[in-house]
């Protein structure tokens, strides 16, 4: 599958991530499997667009042509892409040199229409001792509960994902109103909704997690604080409610049920066991798991009620 062409899309939105965005672009340029094209989509920020347009003459730099937010930015990139596969990389992440090579290799598996990889945290500060790895999705990274080797999954993580371009022609793009936008609340799940919708409309299609396709996602100091952890958990609950309104609760919460019933209780037990064996930080991790689950649940409940009250009579 080495002849498969890949368009890489990076969505940028703020000049505060200038150095991060350039580092992400540099990691794409250094791939052992060269991308056919690099598309940088700027989300309704004219100043950033002009700076990147000037700084990246060898890339296609465009402005988001849809509603403000990550979904619109990704859809704009998809519309510009000409590769057989469209890959997405966060603007504050850097990819391993073999990232695209391993992604493309996995498209040789039967029925595979999408491939995602391993996302590891790159902390600006030391990892907080209380921060449970079961909740690394809070910082956009692979978390305990996900596969540890190549394996089919329900959905991919949006900052390290790729899809056959033809899939978007069949099922549409990312849905506006889900995922990050101009508001301050750190919403997400636009890729979750898309992947579930893809599976509903294309039965038998395979989304594959490949742990060899690795990127490192920068985690700024502000994301290491408990206040961010709590707000991100609440926003995740709101986002899950939006997803279930779009694709139904049965499919929309299938993975979450297993994660809640199996992964999180084991994490609490592990934290308490660490405490019993002399690691005082284990109690903090166990407590953070309980607090995180409660906060996600509260956000989901509010999101469900909000959907009911906003439903047309």
Protein backbone atom coordinates (compact mmCIF):
# COMPACT_ATOMS: atom_id res chain seq x y z
CA UNK A 1 0.00 0.00 0.00
CA UNK A 2 3.04 2.31 -0.28
CA UNK A 3 1.53 3.94 -3.36
CA UNK A 4 -1.43 5.33 -1.42
CA UNK A 5 -1.40 9.13 -1.50
CA UNK A 6 -2.12 11.08 1.68
CA UNK A 7 -3.34 14.61 2.26
CA UNK A 8 -2.51 15.84 5.77
CA UNK A 9 -4.83 18.44 7.32
CA UNK A 10 -3.81 20.62 10.28
CA UNK A 11 -6.45 22.95 11.72
CA UNK A 12 -5.08 26.09 13.40
CA UNK A 13 -6.98 28.82 15.22
CA UNK A 14 -4.72 30.93 17.44
CA UNK A 15 -1.39 32.71 17.15
CA UNK A 16 -0.60 31.58 20.69
CA UNK A 17 0.21 28.20 19.13
CA UNK A 18 2.47 29.63 16.44
CA UNK A 19 5.54 27.62 17.43
CA UNK A 20 3.43 24.50 17.98
CA UNK A 21 1.86 24.79 14.54
CA UNK A 22 5.25 25.19 12.86
CA UNK A 23 6.52 22.15 14.79
CA UNK A 24 3.50 20.12 13.62
CA UNK A 25 4.17 21.18 10.02
CA UNK A 26 7.86 20.28 10.41
CA UNK A 27 6.98 16.79 11.60
CA UNK A 28 4.80 16.25 8.52
CA UNK A 29 7.62 17.38 6.25
CA UNK A 30 9.95 14.84 7.90
CA UNK A 31 7.76 11.79 7.21
CA UNK A 32 9.37 8.70 5.70
CA UNK A 33 6.17 8.29 3.67
CA UNK A 34 5.87 11.74 2.16
CA UNK A 35 2.45 13.38 2.16
CA UNK A 36 1.07 14.29 -1.24
CA UNK A 37 0.06 17.67 0.20
CA UNK A 38 -0.17 19.53 3.48
CA UNK A 39 -3.30 21.61 4.05
CA UNK A 40 -3.38 24.10 6.93
CA UNK A 41 -6.87 25.40 7.68
CA UNK A 42 -7.12 28.61 9.70
CA UNK A 43 -10.31 29.02 11.73
CA UNK A 44 -11.65 32.55 11.16
CA UNK A 45 -8.43 34.33 12.16
CA UNK A 46 -7.28 36.60 9.36
CA UNK A 47 -4.04 37.64 11.05
CA UNK A 48 -2.99 34.03 11.61
CA UNK A 49 -3.97 33.12 8.06
CA UNK A 50 -1.76 35.83 6.60
CA UNK A 51 1.20 34.87 8.81
CA UNK A 52 0.95 31.19 7.94
CA UNK A 53 0.39 31.91 4.26
CA UNK A 54 3.67 33.82 4.25
CA UNK A 55 5.60 31.36 6.42
CA UNK A 56 4.48 28.17 4.64
CA UNK A 57 4.80 28.73 0.87
CA UNK A 58 5.06 24.97 0.25
CA UNK A 59 1.76 24.23 2.03
CA UNK A 60 -1.83 24.95 1.07
CA UNK A 61 -3.01 27.49 3.64
CA UNK A 62 -6.73 28.25 3.51
CA UNK A 63 -9.36 29.84 5.70
CA UNK A 64 -12.20 27.84 7.20
CA UNK A 65 -15.09 28.14 4.73
CA UNK A 66 -17.72 26.78 7.10
CA UNK A 67 -18.99 27.65 10.57
CA UNK A 68 -16.31 28.54 13.08
CA UNK A 69 -14.99 25.51 14.91
CA UNK A 70 -13.00 22.33 14.43
CA UNK A 71 -15.69 20.52 12.46
CA UNK A 72 -15.88 23.30 9.87
CA UNK A 73 -12.09 23.46 9.66
CA UNK A 74 -11.80 19.73 9.04
CA UNK A 75 -14.54 19.83 6.42
CA UNK A 76 -12.75 22.66 4.63
CA UNK A 77 -9.57 20.60 4.57
CA UNK A 78 -11.40 17.56 3.25
CA UNK A 79 -12.89 19.61 0.42
CA UNK A 80 -9.39 20.79 -0.56
CA UNK A 81 -7.77 17.34 -0.32
CA UNK A 82 -6.84 15.28 -3.37
CA UNK A 83 -5.11 12.34 -1.70
CA UNK A 84 -6.68 8.90 -1.45
CA UNK A 85 -6.44 9.18 2.33
CA UNK A 86 -7.02 12.29 4.44
CA UNK A 87 -5.04 12.38 7.72
CA UNK A 88 -5.58 14.82 10.57
CA UNK A 89 -2.92 16.09 12.97
CA UNK A 90 -3.53 18.48 15.86
CA UNK A 91 -1.85 21.87 15.60
CA UNK A 92 -0.14 21.33 18.97
CA UNK A 93 1.20 17.84 18.22
CA UNK A 94 4.24 16.41 16.45
CA UNK A 95 4.22 13.14 14.55
CA UNK A 96 6.81 10.40 14.61
CA UNK A 97 8.73 10.16 11.33
CA UNK A 98 6.97 6.85 10.52
CA UNK A 99 3.48 8.10 11.44
CA UNK A 100 2.11 8.09 7.87
CA UNK A 101 4.07 4.98 6.92
CA UNK A 102 2.34 2.89 9.57
CA UNK A 103 -1.06 4.46 8.91
CA UNK A 104 -0.84 3.59 5.23
CA UNK A 105 0.40 0.11 6.03
CA UNK A 106 -2.78 -0.55 8.02
CA UNK A 107 -4.97 0.30 5.02
CA UNK A 108 -3.80 -3.02 3.59
CA UNK A 109 -6.12 -4.77 6.07
CA UNK A 110 -9.47 -5.87 4.55
CA UNK A 111 -12.32 -3.40 4.89
CA UNK A 112 -10.31 -0.69 6.61
CA UNK A 113 -11.71 2.80 5.89
CA UNK A 114 -10.03 4.66 8.75
CA UNK A 115 -6.87 4.39 10.81
CA UNK A 116 -5.89 6.15 14.02
CA UNK A 117 -2.75 5.96 16.08
CA UNK A 118 -1.17 6.24 19.50
CA UNK A 119 -1.25 9.74 21.02
CA UNK A 120 1.19 10.29 23.89
CA UNK A 121 1.25 13.34 26.19
CA UNK A 122 4.13 15.80 26.02
CA UNK A 123 3.74 17.69 29.30
CA UNK A 124 5.06 21.22 29.64
CA UNK A 125 5.23 20.49 33.36
CA UNK A 126 5.63 17.20 35.15
CA UNK A 127 2.58 14.96 34.95
CA UNK A 128 0.40 15.70 38.00
CA UNK A 129 0.59 12.80 40.46
CA UNK A 130 -3.21 12.79 40.82
CA UNK A 131 -3.95 12.63 37.07
CA UNK A 132 -5.25 9.11 36.21
CA UNK A 133 -4.19 7.60 32.88
CA UNK A 134 -7.77 6.38 32.46
CA UNK A 135 -8.64 10.04 31.84
CA UNK A 136 -5.86 10.92 29.38
CA UNK A 137 -8.64 11.61 26.85
CA UNK A 138 -9.06 14.87 28.81
CA UNK A 139 -5.74 16.00 27.29
CA UNK A 140 -6.45 14.50 23.87
CA UNK A 141 -4.32 11.39 24.35
CA UNK A 142 -4.64 7.62 24.25
CA UNK A 143 -5.96 6.40 27.60
CA UNK A 144 -6.19 3.20 29.62
CA UNK A 145 -9.16 1.32 28.24
CA UNK A 146 -8.11 1.72 24.60
CA UNK A 147 -6.36 -1.12 22.72
CA UNK A 148 -2.61 -1.56 23.19
CA UNK A 149 -2.05 -3.05 19.73
CA UNK A 150 -3.60 -3.00 16.26
CA UNK A 151 -7.29 -3.60 16.77
CA UNK A 152 -10.66 -2.44 15.37
CA UNK A 153 -12.33 0.30 17.42
CA UNK A 154 -15.66 2.12 17.41
CA UNK A 155 -14.10 5.55 16.90
CA UNK A 156 -10.72 7.20 16.43
CA UNK A 157 -9.22 10.14 18.33
CA UNK A 158 -9.61 13.18 16.10
CA UNK A 159 -6.09 14.61 16.48
CA UNK A 160 -4.42 11.44 15.18
CA UNK A 161 -6.75 9.95 12.61
CA UNK A 162 -7.12 9.26 8.90
CA UNK A 163 -9.89 8.18 6.56
CA UNK A 164 -10.26 7.17 2.95
CA UNK A 165 -11.38 10.32 1.16
CA UNK A 166 -14.23 8.47 -0.56
CA UNK A 167 -15.83 7.86 2.85
CA UNK A 168 -16.69 11.55 3.21
CA UNK A 169 -18.47 11.46 -0.14
CA UNK A 170 -20.65 8.62 1.15
CA UNK A 171 -21.49 9.68 4.72
CA UNK A 172 -20.77 13.41 4.74
CA UNK A 173 -18.32 15.37 6.87
CA UNK A 174 -18.00 16.35 10.51
CA UNK A 175 -21.12 17.79 12.08
CA UNK A 176 -21.11 21.45 13.08
CA UNK A 177 -22.23 22.14 16.64
CA UNK A 178 -20.22 19.19 17.99
CA UNK A 179 -16.57 19.68 18.92
CA UNK A 180 -14.39 22.71 19.59
CA UNK A 181 -15.67 26.10 18.47
CA UNK A 182 -15.27 29.74 19.39
CA UNK A 183 -16.71 29.31 22.89
CA UNK A 184 -14.57 28.87 25.98
CA UNK A 185 -16.04 25.48 26.95
CA UNK A 186 -13.70 22.64 25.80
CA UNK A 187 -16.23 20.54 23.90
CA UNK A 188 -15.25 17.53 21.82
CA UNK A 189 -16.58 14.34 20.19
CA UNK A 190 -16.96 15.55 16.59
CA UNK A 191 -14.85 12.56 15.51
CA UNK A 192 -16.87 10.20 17.71
CA UNK A 193 -20.15 11.24 16.10
CA UNK A 194 -18.61 10.95 12.62
CA UNK A 195 -17.17 7.48 13.25
CA UNK A 196 -20.44 6.14 14.68
CA UNK A 197 -22.39 7.61 11.78
CA UNK A 198 -19.89 6.01 9.40
CA UNK A 199 -20.41 2.59 10.99
CA UNK A 200 -24.18 3.01 10.85
CA UNK A 201 -24.20 3.90 7.17
CA UNK A 202 -21.39 1.55 6.05
CA UNK A 203 -21.93 -1.76 7.87
CA UNK A 204 -18.78 -3.85 7.87
CA UNK A 205 -16.43 -0.90 7.51
CA UNK A 206 -13.41 -1.15 9.80
CA UNK A 207 -11.83 1.63 11.84
CA UNK A 208 -8.43 0.43 13.01
CA UNK A 209 -6.28 1.60 15.90
CA UNK A 210 -2.58 1.17 15.10
CA UNK A 211 -0.31 1.79 18.08
CA UNK A 212 2.71 2.17 15.77
CA UNK A 213 1.39 5.42 14.24
CA UNK A 214 2.57 7.66 17.07
CA UNK A 215 2.27 11.36 17.79
CA UNK A 216 3.09 13.48 20.84
CA UNK A 217 0.43 15.94 21.94
CA UNK A 218 1.60 19.00 23.85
CA UNK A 219 -0.09 19.46 27.23
CA UNK A 220 0.23 23.05 28.40
CA UNK A 221 0.52 23.96 32.06
CA UNK A 222 -3.09 25.15 32.18
CA UNK A 223 -4.28 21.66 31.23
CA UNK A 224 -2.47 20.10 34.19
CA UNK A 225 -4.72 21.88 36.67
CA UNK A 226 -7.69 20.19 38.31
CA UNK A 227 -9.95 23.06 37.23
CA UNK A 228 -9.30 22.24 33.57
CA UNK A 229 -9.75 18.52 34.26
CA UNK A 230 -13.14 19.19 35.81
CA UNK A 231 -14.32 21.58 33.06
CA UNK A 232 -13.19 19.19 30.32
CA UNK A 233 -15.04 16.30 31.98
CA UNK A 234 -18.21 18.40 32.19
CA UNK A 235 -17.85 19.43 28.56
CA UNK A 236 -17.38 15.79 27.57
CA UNK A 237 -20.71 14.96 29.15
CA UNK A 238 -22.41 17.76 27.23
CA UNK A 239 -20.72 16.54 24.03
CA UNK A 240 -21.84 12.94 24.59
CA UNK A 241 -25.42 14.17 24.91
CA UNK A 242 -25.08 15.89 21.51
CA UNK A 243 -23.66 12.69 20.03
CA UNK A 244 -26.53 10.55 21.32
CA UNK A 245 -29.06 13.00 19.90
CA UNK A 246 -27.39 12.56 16.52
CA UNK A 247 -26.72 8.81 16.38
CA UNK A 248 -28.84 7.35 19.20
CA UNK A 249 -27.92 6.34 22.75
CA UNK A 250 -27.38 2.66 21.94
CA UNK A 251 -24.48 3.28 19.56
CA UNK A 252 -23.50 6.61 21.07
CA UNK A 253 -22.71 5.13 24.49
CA UNK A 254 -21.67 1.56 23.61
CA UNK A 255 -17.95 2.02 24.37
CA UNK A 256 -18.67 4.33 27.31
CA UNK A 257 -20.71 1.67 29.10
CA UNK A 258 -17.81 -0.79 29.06
CA UNK A 259 -15.35 1.94 30.05
CA UNK A 260 -17.54 2.99 33.00
CA UNK A 261 -18.34 -0.54 34.18
CA UNK A 262 -14.87 -2.05 33.76
CA UNK A 263 -12.00 0.36 33.15
CA UNK A 264 -12.85 2.97 35.79
CA UNK A 265 -13.55 0.58 38.70
CA UNK A 266 -10.22 -1.14 38.02
CA UNK A 267 -8.55 2.27 38.04
CA UNK A 268 -10.05 3.11 41.43
CA UNK A 269 -8.95 -0.24 42.85
CA UNK A 270 -5.46 0.26 41.44
CA UNK A 271 -5.23 3.72 43.01
CA UNK A 272 -6.35 2.42 46.39
CA UNK A 273 -3.91 -0.49 46.12
CA UNK A 274 -1.08 1.95 45.37
CA UNK A 275 -2.05 3.88 48.50
CA UNK A 276 -2.06 0.69 50.57
CA UNK A 277 1.45 -0.09 49.32
CA UNK A 278 2.80 3.29 50.36
CA UNK A 279 2.13 5.48 47.30
CA UNK A 280 0.08 8.32 48.77
CA UNK A 281 -0.69 9.73 45.31
CA UNK A 282 -2.81 6.66 44.52
CA UNK A 283 -5.64 8.01 46.64
CA UNK A 284 -5.61 11.21 44.59
CA UNK A 285 -5.88 9.24 41.34
CA UNK A 286 -8.73 7.14 42.69
CA UNK A 287 -10.52 10.29 43.82
CA UNK A 288 -9.94 11.99 40.47
CA UNK A 289 -11.53 9.03 38.67
CA UNK A 290 -14.63 9.22 40.87
CA UNK A 291 -14.81 13.01 40.51
CA UNK A 292 -14.27 12.83 36.75
CA UNK A 293 -17.02 10.26 36.25
CA UNK A 294 -19.44 12.25 38.39
CA UNK A 295 -18.69 15.42 36.45
CA UNK A 296 -19.09 13.74 33.05
CA UNK A 297 -22.39 12.27 34.24
CA UNK A 298 -23.60 15.68 35.39
CA UNK A 299 -22.66 17.23 32.05
CA UNK A 300 -24.44 14.47 30.18
CA UNK A 301 -27.57 14.92 32.28
CA UNK A 302 -27.60 18.66 31.65
CA UNK A 303 -27.02 18.03 27.93
CA UNK A 304 -29.91 15.58 27.73
CA UNK A 305 -32.27 17.98 29.54
CA UNK A 306 -31.13 20.84 27.34
CA UNK A 307 -31.88 18.75 24.26
CA UNK A 308 -35.35 17.95 25.54
CA UNK A 309 -36.21 21.57 26.34
CA UNK A 310 -34.85 22.79 22.98
CA UNK A 311 -36.66 20.15 20.96
CA UNK A 312 -39.30 21.68 18.66
CA UNK A 313 -42.81 21.06 19.91
